[in-house]
Amino acid sequence: MRAYLDLLDRILRDGQWQDNRTGIRTLAVSGASLRFDLRAGFPAVTTRKLPFKTFMGELVTFLQGGTSASQFRAQGCRIWDANANQNTAWLANPHRTGTDDLGRIYGAQWRDWNGWRNLPADSPALAAALAGGWQRRGILDDGSVMLSRQIDQLGDCLHKLITQPTDRRILFHAWNPAELDQMALPPCHLLYQFNACVADRTLSLCLYQRSVDAPLGLVGNLAEAAALLTLMARLSGFTPAFLNWFGADVHIYENQLDMVRTQAARSPLPAPQLILDARVPDFAKTGVPAPEWLTLVTPDDFTLSGYAHHPPLTAPMAV
């Protein structure tokens, strides 16, 4: 994680002060990238303790399509409590249904995207769409037919990795403009793209973030993305290879500076290894697709081996 510490140093050195919705200023840089080879180790921060199980609980809840802070808590993750129940803008949002509700955040977009389209009633495309699972929802004033379909983006990615691994469009995202007002927090890590290399049976992942809290959020985003890559590789018969991360607004909140300066003075320790429990089926061995494991996997299926770290450090999260 030397590259991560170098990024923190860059923000401290070159960052510009920015105001934002939270009321707490940030030091921010525009544009950053990191690259990790998972075959050489898992990208866990070692200059402080990574709350690994918390982040695995968050990932599992995303995979299950969770939209309530109570679902995250059930998986040992309290990250979303404040955004569900202390976010002033969300508390006043008419789409909020009550305590713990988060709206259609990541999990809903990953696993249950609301797809809509309109087609002319006499179009050959209409019959093809209906045969492809689209449902007729009504007739518009111009006579066209309104259709809808719930789309499991992540499930579709897994299917393509198994059936069309050379496809360069194996991606999913959470940025749904029609539903941004129905979310406690618009997605920050919003686009994931898988790149399979059939020649050596390796799978890599590119992740783009529009905004990221480098001291707190980024370490979790990297851990979850690496775990997701490992899971998708197992379920599609590949070996996880590179995690490539790209950030747009990469920042440190003003009230996190003391922690960051302490952390930046520490030397990173050797990277641990991620162990994915053997109960999760390996498509390379079974040859049988098992997409249900995107939902069946639990935080306990992910374990870090050989994880050494410096003493814990804490800093507040801006809401």
C-alpha atoms as a PDB file:
ATOM      1  CA  MET A   1       0.000   0.000   0.000  1.00  0.00           C
ATOM      2  CA  ARG A   2       2.930   2.344  -0.568  1.00  0.00           C
ATOM      3  CA  ALA A   3       1.046   3.834  -3.503  1.00  0.00           C
ATOM      4  CA  TYR A   4      -1.880   4.667  -1.214  1.00  0.00           C
ATOM      5  CA  LEU A   5       0.420   6.491   1.222  1.00  0.00           C
ATOM      6  CA  ASP A   6       1.946   8.359  -1.714  1.00  0.00           C
ATOM      7  CA  LEU A   7      -1.560   9.479  -2.657  1.00  0.00           C
ATOM      8  CA  LEU A   8      -2.174  10.801   0.870  1.00  0.00           C
ATOM      9  CA  ASP A   9       1.149  12.669   0.670  1.00  0.00           C
ATOM     10  CA  ARG A  10       0.126  14.159  -2.670  1.00  0.00           C
ATOM     11  CA  ILE A  11      -3.154  15.437  -1.261  1.00  0.00           C
ATOM     12  CA  LEU A  12      -1.368  16.966   1.750  1.00  0.00           C
ATOM     13  CA  ARG A  13       1.193  18.588  -0.538  1.00  0.00           C
ATOM     14  CA  ASP A  14      -0.871  19.641  -3.577  1.00  0.00           C
ATOM     15  CA  GLY A  15      -4.486  19.627  -2.394  1.00  0.00           C
ATOM     16  CA  GLN A  16      -6.647  22.736  -2.671  1.00  0.00           C
ATOM     17  CA  TRP A  17      -9.180  23.747  -0.040  1.00  0.00           C
ATOM     18  CA  GLN A  18     -12.755  23.051  -1.139  1.00  0.00           C
ATOM     19  CA  ASP A  19     -16.161  23.664   0.418  1.00  0.00           C
ATOM     20  CA  ASN A  20     -18.802  20.923   0.130  1.00  0.00           C
ATOM     21  CA  ARG A  21     -22.259  19.791   1.219  1.00  0.00           C
ATOM     22  CA  THR A  22     -21.067  18.546   4.652  1.00  0.00           C
ATOM     23  CA  GLY A  23     -19.855  21.943   5.861  1.00  0.00           C
ATOM     24  CA  ILE A  24     -16.385  20.509   6.622  1.00  0.00           C
ATOM     25  CA  ARG A  25     -13.678  21.692   4.236  1.00  0.00           C
ATOM     26  CA  THR A  26     -11.549  19.258   2.290  1.00  0.00           C
ATOM     27  CA  LEU A  27      -8.073  19.252   0.825  1.00  0.00           C
ATOM     28  CA  ALA A  28      -8.733  17.837  -2.631  1.00  0.00           C
ATOM     29  CA  VAL A  29      -6.938  16.879  -5.821  1.00  0.00           C
ATOM     30  CA  SER A  30      -8.540  16.183  -9.176  1.00  0.00           C
ATOM     31  CA  GLY A  31      -7.625  12.868 -10.738  1.00  0.00           C
ATOM     32  CA  ALA A  32      -5.689   9.966  -9.214  1.00  0.00           C
ATOM     33  CA  SER A  33      -5.098   6.294  -9.943  1.00  0.00           C
ATOM     34  CA  LEU A  34      -3.854   3.192  -8.127  1.00  0.00           C
ATOM     35  CA  ARG A  35      -3.043  -0.300  -9.397  1.00  0.00           C
ATOM     36  CA  PHE A  36      -2.756  -3.503  -7.368  1.00  0.00           C
ATOM     37  CA  ASP A  37      -1.807  -7.032  -8.424  1.00  0.00           C
ATOM     38  CA  LEU A  38      -3.913  -9.332  -6.251  1.00  0.00           C
ATOM     39  CA  ARG A  39      -1.554 -12.213  -6.989  1.00  0.00           C
ATOM     40  CA  ALA A  40       1.058 -10.309  -4.955  1.00  0.00           C
ATOM     41  CA  GLY A  41      -1.276  -9.600  -2.046  1.00  0.00           C
ATOM     42  CA  PHE A  42      -4.537  -8.023  -0.937  1.00  0.00           C
ATOM     43  CA  PRO A  43      -4.731  -4.182  -0.900  1.00  0.00           C
ATOM     44  CA  ALA A  44      -5.379  -3.820   2.827  1.00  0.00           C
ATOM     45  CA  VAL A  45      -4.073  -0.704   4.541  1.00  0.00           C
ATOM     46  CA  THR A  46      -1.368  -1.700   7.058  1.00  0.00           C
ATOM     47  CA  THR A  47      -0.438   1.688   8.546  1.00  0.00           C
ATOM     48  CA  ARG A  48      -3.555   1.352  10.681  1.00  0.00           C
ATOM     49  CA  LYS A  49      -6.049  -1.443  11.266  1.00  0.00           C
ATOM     50  CA  LEU A  50      -8.515  -2.095   8.468  1.00  0.00           C
ATOM     51  CA  PRO A  51     -12.042  -2.888   9.755  1.00  0.00           C
ATOM     52  CA  PHE A  52     -12.122  -5.781   7.320  1.00  0.00           C
ATOM     53  CA  LYS A  53     -15.282  -7.552   8.467  1.00  0.00           C
ATOM     54  CA  THR A  54     -17.194  -4.265   8.476  1.00  0.00           C
ATOM     55  CA  PHE A  55     -16.349  -3.734   4.840  1.00  0.00           C
ATOM     56  CA  MET A  56     -17.120  -7.317   3.921  1.00  0.00           C
ATOM     57  CA  GLY A  57     -20.499  -6.848   5.594  1.00  0.00           C
ATOM     58  CA  GLU A  58     -21.083  -3.778   3.448  1.00  0.00           C
ATOM     59  CA  LEU A  59     -20.123  -5.632   0.267  1.00  0.00           C
ATOM     60  CA  VAL A  60     -22.370  -8.594   1.090  1.00  0.00           C
ATOM     61  CA  THR A  61     -25.311  -6.262   1.709  1.00  0.00           C
ATOM     62  CA  PHE A  62     -24.697  -4.575  -1.642  1.00  0.00           C
ATOM     63  CA  LEU A  63     -24.657  -8.009  -3.276  1.00  0.00           C
ATOM     64  CA  GLN A  64     -27.991  -8.792  -1.633  1.00  0.00           C
ATOM     65  CA  GLY A  65     -29.515  -5.540  -2.926  1.00  0.00           C
ATOM     66  CA  GLY A  66     -29.826  -3.971   0.529  1.00  0.00           C
ATOM     67  CA  THR A  67     -31.592  -0.619   0.905  1.00  0.00           C
ATOM     68  CA  SER A  68     -31.877  -0.330   4.705  1.00  0.00           C
ATOM     69  CA  ALA A  69     -29.277   0.401   7.373  1.00  0.00           C
ATOM     70  CA  SER A  70     -30.783  -2.497   9.342  1.00  0.00           C
ATOM     71  CA  GLN A  71     -29.705  -4.902   6.568  1.00  0.00           C
ATOM     72  CA  PHE A  72     -26.139  -3.608   6.794  1.00  0.00           C
ATOM     73  CA  ARG A  73     -26.158  -3.911  10.595  1.00  0.00           C
ATOM     74  CA  ALA A  74     -27.316  -7.519  10.279  1.00  0.00           C
ATOM     75  CA  GLN A  75     -24.068  -8.171   8.397  1.00  0.00           C
ATOM     76  CA  GLY A  76     -21.938  -6.428  11.043  1.00  0.00           C
ATOM     77  CA  CYS A  77     -21.696  -3.067   9.252  1.00  0.00           C
ATOM     78  CA  ARG A  78     -22.822   0.217  10.811  1.00  0.00           C
ATOM     79  CA  ILE A  79     -21.375   2.482   8.107  1.00  0.00           C
ATOM     80  CA  TRP A  80     -24.802   3.474   6.800  1.00  0.00           C
ATOM     81  CA  ASP A  81     -26.492   4.297  10.116  1.00  0.00           C
ATOM     82  CA  ALA A  82     -25.663   8.010   9.982  1.00  0.00           C
ATOM     83  CA  ASN A  83     -26.567   8.473   6.317  1.00  0.00           C
ATOM     84  CA  ALA A  84     -29.911   6.775   6.928  1.00  0.00           C
ATOM     85  CA  ASN A  85     -30.876   8.603  10.117  1.00  0.00           C
ATOM     86  CA  GLN A  86     -28.708  11.729  10.554  1.00  0.00           C
ATOM     87  CA  ASN A  87     -28.398  13.099   7.024  1.00  0.00           C
ATOM     88  CA  THR A  88     -30.464  16.311   7.153  1.00  0.00           C
ATOM     89  CA  ALA A  89     -31.214  16.401   3.434  1.00  0.00           C
ATOM     90  CA  TRP A  90     -32.294  12.749   3.389  1.00  0.00           C
ATOM     91  CA  LEU A  91     -34.467  13.164   6.494  1.00  0.00           C
ATOM     92  CA  ALA A  92     -36.420  15.840   4.625  1.00  0.00           C
ATOM     93  CA  ASN A  93     -36.621  13.817   1.399  1.00  0.00           C
ATOM     94  CA  PRO A  94     -40.195  12.712   0.563  1.00  0.00           C
ATOM     95  CA  HIS A  95     -38.849   9.427  -0.819  1.00  0.00           C
ATOM     96  CA  ARG A  96     -37.529   8.374   2.594  1.00  0.00           C
ATOM     97  CA  THR A  97     -39.923   5.805   4.063  1.00  0.00           C
ATOM     98  CA  GLY A  98     -38.785   5.856   7.694  1.00  0.00           C
ATOM     99  CA  THR A  99     -36.069   4.811  10.139  1.00  0.00           C
ATOM    100  CA  ASP A 100     -33.054   3.129   8.519  1.00  0.00           C
ATOM    101  CA  ASP A 101     -34.359   3.584   4.969  1.00  0.00           C
ATOM    102  CA  LEU A 102     -31.589   4.438   2.477  1.00  0.00           C
ATOM    103  CA  GLY A 103     -33.544   4.434  -0.756  1.00  0.00           C
ATOM    104  CA  ARG A 104     -32.294   2.880  -3.982  1.00  0.00           C
ATOM    105  CA  ILE A 105     -28.558   2.997  -3.227  1.00  0.00           C
ATOM    106  CA  TYR A 106     -25.830   0.739  -4.612  1.00  0.00           C
ATOM    107  CA  GLY A 107     -27.376  -2.666  -4.014  1.00  0.00           C
ATOM    108  CA  ALA A 108     -30.666  -1.762  -5.671  1.00  0.00           C
ATOM    109  CA  GLN A 109     -28.849  -0.426  -8.729  1.00  0.00           C
ATOM    110  CA  TRP A 110     -26.412  -3.370  -8.933  1.00  0.00           C
ATOM    111  CA  ARG A 111     -29.046  -6.102  -8.637  1.00  0.00           C
ATOM    112  CA  ASP A 112     -32.425  -4.495  -9.450  1.00  0.00           C
ATOM    113  CA  TRP A 113     -31.954  -1.680 -11.966  1.00  0.00           C
ATOM    114  CA  ASN A 114     -35.240  -0.166 -13.195  1.00  0.00           C
ATOM    115  CA  GLY A 115     -35.126  -0.402 -16.981  1.00  0.00           C
ATOM    116  CA  TRP A 116     -37.649   1.537 -19.083  1.00  0.00           C
ATOM    117  CA  ARG A 117     -38.142   1.941 -22.829  1.00  0.00           C
ATOM    118  CA  ASN A 118     -40.812   3.073 -25.282  1.00  0.00           C
ATOM    119  CA  LEU A 119     -41.349   1.319 -28.623  1.00  0.00           C
ATOM    120  CA  PRO A 120     -43.805   1.876 -31.483  1.00  0.00           C
ATOM    121  CA  ALA A 121     -46.748  -0.500 -31.302  1.00  0.00           C
ATOM    122  CA  ASP A 122     -46.126  -1.737 -34.865  1.00  0.00           C
ATOM    123  CA  SER A 123     -42.344  -2.131 -34.455  1.00  0.00           C
ATOM    124  CA  PRO A 124     -40.697  -5.575 -34.843  1.00  0.00           C
ATOM    125  CA  ALA A 125     -38.543  -4.503 -31.883  1.00  0.00           C
ATOM    126  CA  LEU A 126     -41.608  -4.657 -29.620  1.00  0.00           C
ATOM    127  CA  ALA A 127     -42.096  -8.392 -30.091  1.00  0.00           C
ATOM    128  CA  ALA A 128     -38.374  -8.961 -29.585  1.00  0.00           C
ATOM    129  CA  ALA A 129     -38.404  -6.921 -26.370  1.00  0.00           C
ATOM    130  CA  LEU A 130     -41.408  -8.800 -24.978  1.00  0.00           C
ATOM    131  CA  ALA A 131     -39.719 -12.106 -25.809  1.00  0.00           C
ATOM    132  CA  GLY A 132     -36.601 -10.844 -24.022  1.00  0.00           C
ATOM    133  CA  GLY A 133     -38.365 -10.301 -20.716  1.00  0.00           C
ATOM    134  CA  TRP A 134     -39.652  -6.738 -21.015  1.00  0.00           C
ATOM    135  CA  GLN A 135     -43.137  -6.156 -19.600  1.00  0.00           C
ATOM    136  CA  ARG A 136     -45.864  -4.019 -21.171  1.00  0.00           C
ATOM    137  CA  ARG A 137     -46.756  -1.142 -18.807  1.00  0.00           C
ATOM    138  CA  GLY A 138     -49.052   1.114 -20.816  1.00  0.00           C
ATOM    139  CA  ILE A 139     -49.705   3.136 -23.950  1.00  0.00           C
ATOM    140  CA  LEU A 140     -48.403   6.698 -24.319  1.00  0.00           C
ATOM    141  CA  ASP A 141     -50.243   9.557 -26.006  1.00  0.00           C
ATOM    142  CA  ASP A 142     -48.318   9.003 -29.243  1.00  0.00           C
ATOM    143  CA  GLY A 143     -49.424   5.377 -29.337  1.00  0.00           C
ATOM    144  CA  SER A 144     -46.063   3.909 -28.388  1.00  0.00           C
ATOM    145  CA  VAL A 145     -45.858   1.130 -25.819  1.00  0.00           C
ATOM    146  CA  MET A 146     -44.131   1.696 -22.486  1.00  0.00           C
ATOM    147  CA  LEU A 147     -42.071  -1.285 -21.298  1.00  0.00           C
ATOM    148  CA  SER A 148     -40.117  -2.050 -18.140  1.00  0.00           C
ATOM    149  CA  ARG A 149     -37.728  -4.738 -16.922  1.00  0.00           C
ATOM    150  CA  GLN A 150     -35.766  -5.250 -13.711  1.00  0.00           C
ATOM    151  CA  ILE A 151     -32.101  -5.775 -14.595  1.00  0.00           C
ATOM    152  CA  ASP A 152     -29.589  -7.655 -12.463  1.00  0.00           C
ATOM    153  CA  GLN A 153     -26.486  -5.858 -13.727  1.00  0.00           C
ATOM    154  CA  LEU A 154     -24.030  -7.872 -11.660  1.00  0.00           C
ATOM    155  CA  GLY A 155     -25.688 -11.158 -12.546  1.00  0.00           C
ATOM    156  CA  ASP A 156     -25.487 -10.191 -16.217  1.00  0.00           C
ATOM    157  CA  CYS A 157     -21.752  -9.487 -15.790  1.00  0.00           C
ATOM    158  CA  LEU A 158     -21.204 -12.962 -14.337  1.00  0.00           C
ATOM    159  CA  HIS A 159     -23.161 -14.553 -17.179  1.00  0.00           C
ATOM    160  CA  LYS A 160     -21.045 -12.722 -19.761  1.00  0.00           C
ATOM    161  CA  LEU A 161     -17.790 -13.671 -18.041  1.00  0.00           C
ATOM    162  CA  ILE A 162     -18.826 -17.309 -18.431  1.00  0.00           C
ATOM    163  CA  THR A 163     -20.303 -17.124 -21.936  1.00  0.00           C
ATOM    164  CA  GLN A 164     -18.614 -14.111 -23.592  1.00  0.00           C
ATOM    165  CA  PRO A 165     -15.436 -13.397 -21.610  1.00  0.00           C
ATOM    166  CA  THR A 166     -13.787 -11.387 -24.429  1.00  0.00           C
ATOM    167  CA  ASP A 167     -16.647  -8.869 -24.432  1.00  0.00           C
ATOM    168  CA  ARG A 168     -15.326  -5.386 -23.621  1.00  0.00           C
ATOM    169  CA  ARG A 169     -18.676  -4.285 -22.232  1.00  0.00           C
ATOM    170  CA  ILE A 170     -18.787  -6.363 -19.046  1.00  0.00           C
ATOM    171  CA  LEU A 171     -19.602  -3.582 -16.626  1.00  0.00           C
ATOM    172  CA  PHE A 172     -22.161  -2.342 -14.133  1.00  0.00           C
ATOM    173  CA  HIS A 173     -22.798   1.019 -12.538  1.00  0.00           C
ATOM    174  CA  ALA A 174     -24.958   2.716  -9.944  1.00  0.00           C
ATOM    175  CA  TRP A 175     -25.442   6.163 -11.492  1.00  0.00           C
ATOM    176  CA  ASN A 176     -29.149   6.208 -12.367  1.00  0.00           C
ATOM    177  CA  PRO A 177     -30.098   9.862 -13.052  1.00  0.00           C
ATOM    178  CA  ALA A 178     -33.811   9.076 -12.741  1.00  0.00           C
ATOM    179  CA  GLU A 179     -33.333   7.812  -9.165  1.00  0.00           C
ATOM    180  CA  LEU A 180     -30.614  10.025  -7.662  1.00  0.00           C
ATOM    181  CA  ASP A 181     -33.267  11.836  -5.618  1.00  0.00           C
ATOM    182  CA  GLN A 182     -34.336   8.467  -4.168  1.00  0.00           C
ATOM    183  CA  MET A 183     -30.978   7.791  -2.501  1.00  0.00           C
ATOM    184  CA  ALA A 184     -29.670   8.812   0.906  1.00  0.00           C
ATOM    185  CA  LEU A 185     -26.321   9.396  -0.811  1.00  0.00           C
ATOM    186  CA  PRO A 186     -25.678   9.419  -4.570  1.00  0.00           C
ATOM    187  CA  PRO A 187     -23.132   6.742  -5.542  1.00  0.00           C
ATOM    188  CA  CYS A 188     -19.449   7.595  -5.174  1.00  0.00           C
ATOM    189  CA  HIS A 189     -17.936   4.335  -6.479  1.00  0.00           C
ATOM    190  CA  LEU A 190     -20.151   4.289  -9.487  1.00  0.00           C
ATOM    191  CA  LEU A 191     -18.638   2.292 -12.356  1.00  0.00           C
ATOM    192  CA  TYR A 192     -17.042  -1.178 -12.360  1.00  0.00           C
ATOM    193  CA  GLN A 193     -15.687  -2.892 -15.486  1.00  0.00           C
ATOM    194  CA  PHE A 194     -14.328  -6.433 -15.691  1.00  0.00           C
ATOM    195  CA  ASN A 195     -11.567  -7.321 -18.150  1.00  0.00           C
ATOM    196  CA  ALA A 196     -10.978 -11.035 -18.723  1.00  0.00           C
ATOM    197  CA  CYS A 197      -7.840 -12.438 -20.344  1.00  0.00           C
ATOM    198  CA  VAL A 198      -8.760 -15.812 -21.790  1.00  0.00           C
ATOM    199  CA  ALA A 199      -5.152 -16.659 -22.670  1.00  0.00           C
ATOM    200  CA  ASP A 200      -4.003 -16.934 -19.055  1.00  0.00           C
ATOM    201  CA  ARG A 201      -7.483 -17.140 -17.432  1.00  0.00           C
ATOM    202  CA  THR A 202      -7.039 -13.983 -15.373  1.00  0.00           C
ATOM    203  CA  LEU A 203      -9.665 -11.406 -14.463  1.00  0.00           C
ATOM    204  CA  SER A 204      -9.033  -7.741 -13.710  1.00  0.00           C
ATOM    205  CA  LEU A 205     -11.329  -4.955 -12.547  1.00  0.00           C
ATOM    206  CA  CYS A 206     -11.386  -1.217 -13.187  1.00  0.00           C
ATOM    207  CA  LEU A 207     -13.237   0.963 -10.685  1.00  0.00           C
ATOM    208  CA  TYR A 208     -14.099   4.649 -11.193  1.00  0.00           C
ATOM    209  CA  GLN A 209     -15.097   6.931  -8.307  1.00  0.00           C
ATOM    210  CA  ARG A 210     -16.505  10.413  -8.763  1.00  0.00           C
ATOM    211  CA  SER A 211     -15.681  11.396  -5.166  1.00  0.00           C
ATOM    212  CA  VAL A 212     -13.758   9.660  -2.402  1.00  0.00           C
ATOM    213  CA  ASP A 213     -12.790  10.281   1.216  1.00  0.00           C
ATOM    214  CA  ALA A 214      -9.198   9.043   0.957  1.00  0.00           C
ATOM    215  CA  PRO A 215      -8.490   8.342   4.672  1.00  0.00           C
ATOM    216  CA  LEU A 216     -11.701   6.431   5.438  1.00  0.00           C
ATOM    217  CA  GLY A 217     -13.722   5.589   2.362  1.00  0.00           C
ATOM    218  CA  LEU A 218     -10.969   4.654  -0.063  1.00  0.00           C
ATOM    219  CA  VAL A 219      -9.470   1.888   2.081  1.00  0.00           C
ATOM    220  CA  GLY A 220     -12.905   0.265   2.242  1.00  0.00           C
ATOM    221  CA  ASN A 221     -13.615   0.767  -1.449  1.00  0.00           C
ATOM    222  CA  LEU A 222     -10.336  -0.928  -2.376  1.00  0.00           C
ATOM    223  CA  ALA A 223     -10.919  -3.842  -0.003  1.00  0.00           C
ATOM    224  CA  GLU A 224     -14.460  -4.397  -1.246  1.00  0.00           C
ATOM    225  CA  ALA A 225     -13.495  -4.110  -4.916  1.00  0.00           C
ATOM    226  CA  ALA A 226     -10.668  -6.626  -4.436  1.00  0.00           C
ATOM    227  CA  ALA A 227     -13.030  -9.023  -2.649  1.00  0.00           C
ATOM    228  CA  LEU A 228     -15.665  -8.596  -5.364  1.00  0.00           C
ATOM    229  CA  LEU A 229     -13.057  -9.281  -8.054  1.00  0.00           C
ATOM    230  CA  THR A 230     -11.986 -12.427  -6.195  1.00  0.00           C
ATOM    231  CA  LEU A 231     -15.588 -13.628  -5.886  1.00  0.00           C
ATOM    232  CA  MET A 232     -16.449 -12.951  -9.530  1.00  0.00           C
ATOM    233  CA  ALA A 233     -13.248 -14.687 -10.642  1.00  0.00           C
ATOM    234  CA  ARG A 234     -14.095 -17.788  -8.577  1.00  0.00           C
ATOM    235  CA  LEU A 235     -17.640 -17.932  -9.935  1.00  0.00           C
ATOM    236  CA  SER A 236     -16.507 -17.516 -13.551  1.00  0.00           C
ATOM    237  CA  GLY A 237     -13.413 -19.732 -13.540  1.00  0.00           C
ATOM    238  CA  PHE A 238     -10.690 -17.089 -13.595  1.00  0.00           C
ATOM    239  CA  THR A 239      -7.784 -16.077 -11.347  1.00  0.00           C
ATOM    240  CA  PRO A 240      -8.032 -12.539  -9.928  1.00  0.00           C
ATOM    241  CA  ALA A 241      -5.282 -10.291 -11.276  1.00  0.00           C
ATOM    242  CA  PHE A 242      -5.265  -6.470 -11.352  1.00  0.00           C
ATOM    243  CA  LEU A 243      -7.455  -4.014  -9.487  1.00  0.00           C
ATOM    244  CA  ASN A 244      -7.222  -0.633 -11.206  1.00  0.00           C
ATOM    245  CA  TRP A 245      -8.728   2.314  -9.334  1.00  0.00           C
ATOM    246  CA  PHE A 246      -9.460   5.783 -10.705  1.00  0.00           C
ATOM    247  CA  GLY A 247     -10.672   8.723  -8.610  1.00  0.00           C
ATOM    248  CA  ALA A 248     -11.949  12.157  -9.668  1.00  0.00           C
ATOM    249  CA  ASP A 249     -12.371  14.334  -6.551  1.00  0.00           C
ATOM    250  CA  VAL A 250      -9.988  12.695  -4.066  1.00  0.00           C
ATOM    251  CA  HIS A 251      -9.963  14.431  -0.717  1.00  0.00           C
ATOM    252  CA  ILE A 252      -9.112  14.582   2.988  1.00  0.00           C
ATOM    253  CA  TYR A 253     -11.527  16.285   5.374  1.00  0.00           C
ATOM    254  CA  GLU A 254     -10.058  18.986   7.584  1.00  0.00           C
ATOM    255  CA  ASN A 255     -10.943  17.087  10.761  1.00  0.00           C
ATOM    256  CA  GLN A 256      -9.017  14.020   9.489  1.00  0.00           C
ATOM    257  CA  LEU A 257      -5.655  15.758   9.047  1.00  0.00           C
ATOM    258  CA  ASP A 258      -4.137  14.721  12.390  1.00  0.00           C
ATOM    259  CA  MET A 259      -4.858  11.052  11.713  1.00  0.00           C
ATOM    260  CA  VAL A 260      -3.536  11.281   8.163  1.00  0.00           C
ATOM    261  CA  ARG A 261      -0.274  12.912   9.242  1.00  0.00           C
ATOM    262  CA  THR A 262       0.261  10.199  11.847  1.00  0.00           C
ATOM    263  CA  GLN A 263      -0.500   7.479   9.332  1.00  0.00           C
ATOM    264  CA  ALA A 264       1.699   9.019   6.631  1.00  0.00           C
ATOM    265  CA  ALA A 265       4.701   8.813   8.968  1.00  0.00           C
ATOM    266  CA  ARG A 266       4.347   5.038   9.325  1.00  0.00           C
ATOM    267  CA  SER A 267       5.972   2.478   7.050  1.00  0.00           C
ATOM    268  CA  PRO A 268       3.689  -0.032   5.291  1.00  0.00           C
ATOM    269  CA  LEU A 269       3.918  -3.714   6.235  1.00  0.00           C
ATOM    270  CA  PRO A 270       3.734  -6.725   3.871  1.00  0.00           C
ATOM    271  CA  ALA A 271       0.393  -7.239   2.157  1.00  0.00           C
ATOM    272  CA  PRO A 272      -1.840 -10.066   3.434  1.00  0.00           C
ATOM    273  CA  GLN A 273      -3.610 -12.643   1.287  1.00  0.00           C
ATOM    274  CA  LEU A 274      -7.371 -12.927   0.825  1.00  0.00           C
ATOM    275  CA  ILE A 275      -8.833 -16.393   1.425  1.00  0.00           C
ATOM    276  CA  LEU A 276     -12.246 -17.063  -0.116  1.00  0.00           C
ATOM    277  CA  ASP A 277     -13.897 -20.020   1.598  1.00  0.00           C
ATOM    278  CA  ALA A 278     -13.846 -23.278  -0.348  1.00  0.00           C
ATOM    279  CA  ARG A 279     -17.617 -23.601   0.010  1.00  0.00           C
ATOM    280  CA  VAL A 280     -17.977 -20.910  -2.688  1.00  0.00           C
ATOM    281  CA  PRO A 281     -18.028 -22.990  -5.898  1.00  0.00           C
ATOM    282  CA  ASP A 282     -15.204 -22.650  -8.419  1.00  0.00           C
ATOM    283  CA  PHE A 283     -16.557 -22.656 -11.975  1.00  0.00           C
ATOM    284  CA  ALA A 284     -13.147 -23.758 -13.270  1.00  0.00           C
ATOM    285  CA  LYS A 285     -13.630 -27.021 -11.356  1.00  0.00           C
ATOM    286  CA  THR A 286     -17.379 -27.569 -11.568  1.00  0.00           C
ATOM    287  CA  GLY A 287     -18.261 -26.156 -14.979  1.00  0.00           C
ATOM    288  CA  VAL A 288     -21.665 -25.355 -13.476  1.00  0.00           C
ATOM    289  CA  PRO A 289     -22.754 -21.699 -13.215  1.00  0.00           C
ATOM    290  CA  ALA A 290     -23.715 -20.718  -9.674  1.00  0.00           C
ATOM    291  CA  PRO A 291     -24.998 -17.107  -9.815  1.00  0.00           C
ATOM    292  CA  GLU A 292     -26.965 -17.666  -6.602  1.00  0.00           C
ATOM    293  CA  TRP A 293     -23.670 -17.311  -4.721  1.00  0.00           C
ATOM    294  CA  LEU A 294     -23.692 -13.592  -5.435  1.00  0.00           C
ATOM    295  CA  THR A 295     -26.428 -13.555  -2.796  1.00  0.00           C
ATOM    296  CA  LEU A 296     -25.463 -16.572  -0.651  1.00  0.00           C
ATOM    297  CA  VAL A 297     -21.916 -15.410   0.164  1.00  0.00           C
ATOM    298  CA  THR A 298     -21.413 -14.075   3.730  1.00  0.00           C
ATOM    299  CA  PRO A 299     -18.770 -11.880   5.402  1.00  0.00           C
ATOM    300  CA  ASP A 300     -17.292 -14.991   7.013  1.00  0.00           C
ATOM    301  CA  ASP A 301     -16.487 -16.385   3.565  1.00  0.00           C
ATOM    302  CA  PHE A 302     -13.765 -13.712   3.282  1.00  0.00           C
ATOM    303  CA  THR A 303     -10.678 -14.008   5.496  1.00  0.00           C
ATOM    304  CA  LEU A 304      -7.341 -12.174   5.552  1.00  0.00           C
ATOM    305  CA  SER A 305      -4.285 -14.362   6.073  1.00  0.00           C
ATOM    306  CA  GLY A 306      -1.046 -12.877   7.383  1.00  0.00           C
ATOM    307  CA  TYR A 307      -2.493  -9.443   8.093  1.00  0.00           C
ATOM    308  CA  ALA A 308      -0.054  -7.353  10.180  1.00  0.00           C
ATOM    309  CA  HIS A 309      -0.817  -3.702  10.871  1.00  0.00           C
ATOM    310  CA  HIS A 310       0.166  -0.677  12.929  1.00  0.00           C
ATOM    311  CA  PRO A 311      -2.014   0.402  15.896  1.00  0.00           C
ATOM    312  CA  PRO A 312      -5.559   1.570  15.093  1.00  0.00           C
ATOM    313  CA  LEU A 313      -6.288   5.194  14.225  1.00  0.00           C
ATOM    314  CA  THR A 314      -9.671   6.886  14.069  1.00  0.00           C
ATOM    315  CA  ALA A 315     -11.122   9.977  12.440  1.00  0.00           C
ATOM    316  CA  PRO A 316     -14.706  11.244  12.009  1.00  0.00           C
ATOM    317  CA  MET A 317     -16.797  10.591   8.918  1.00  0.00           C
ATOM    318  CA  ALA A 318     -18.495  13.634   7.393  1.00  0.00           C
ATOM    319  CA  VAL A 319     -22.217  13.165   6.731  1.00  0.00           C
END
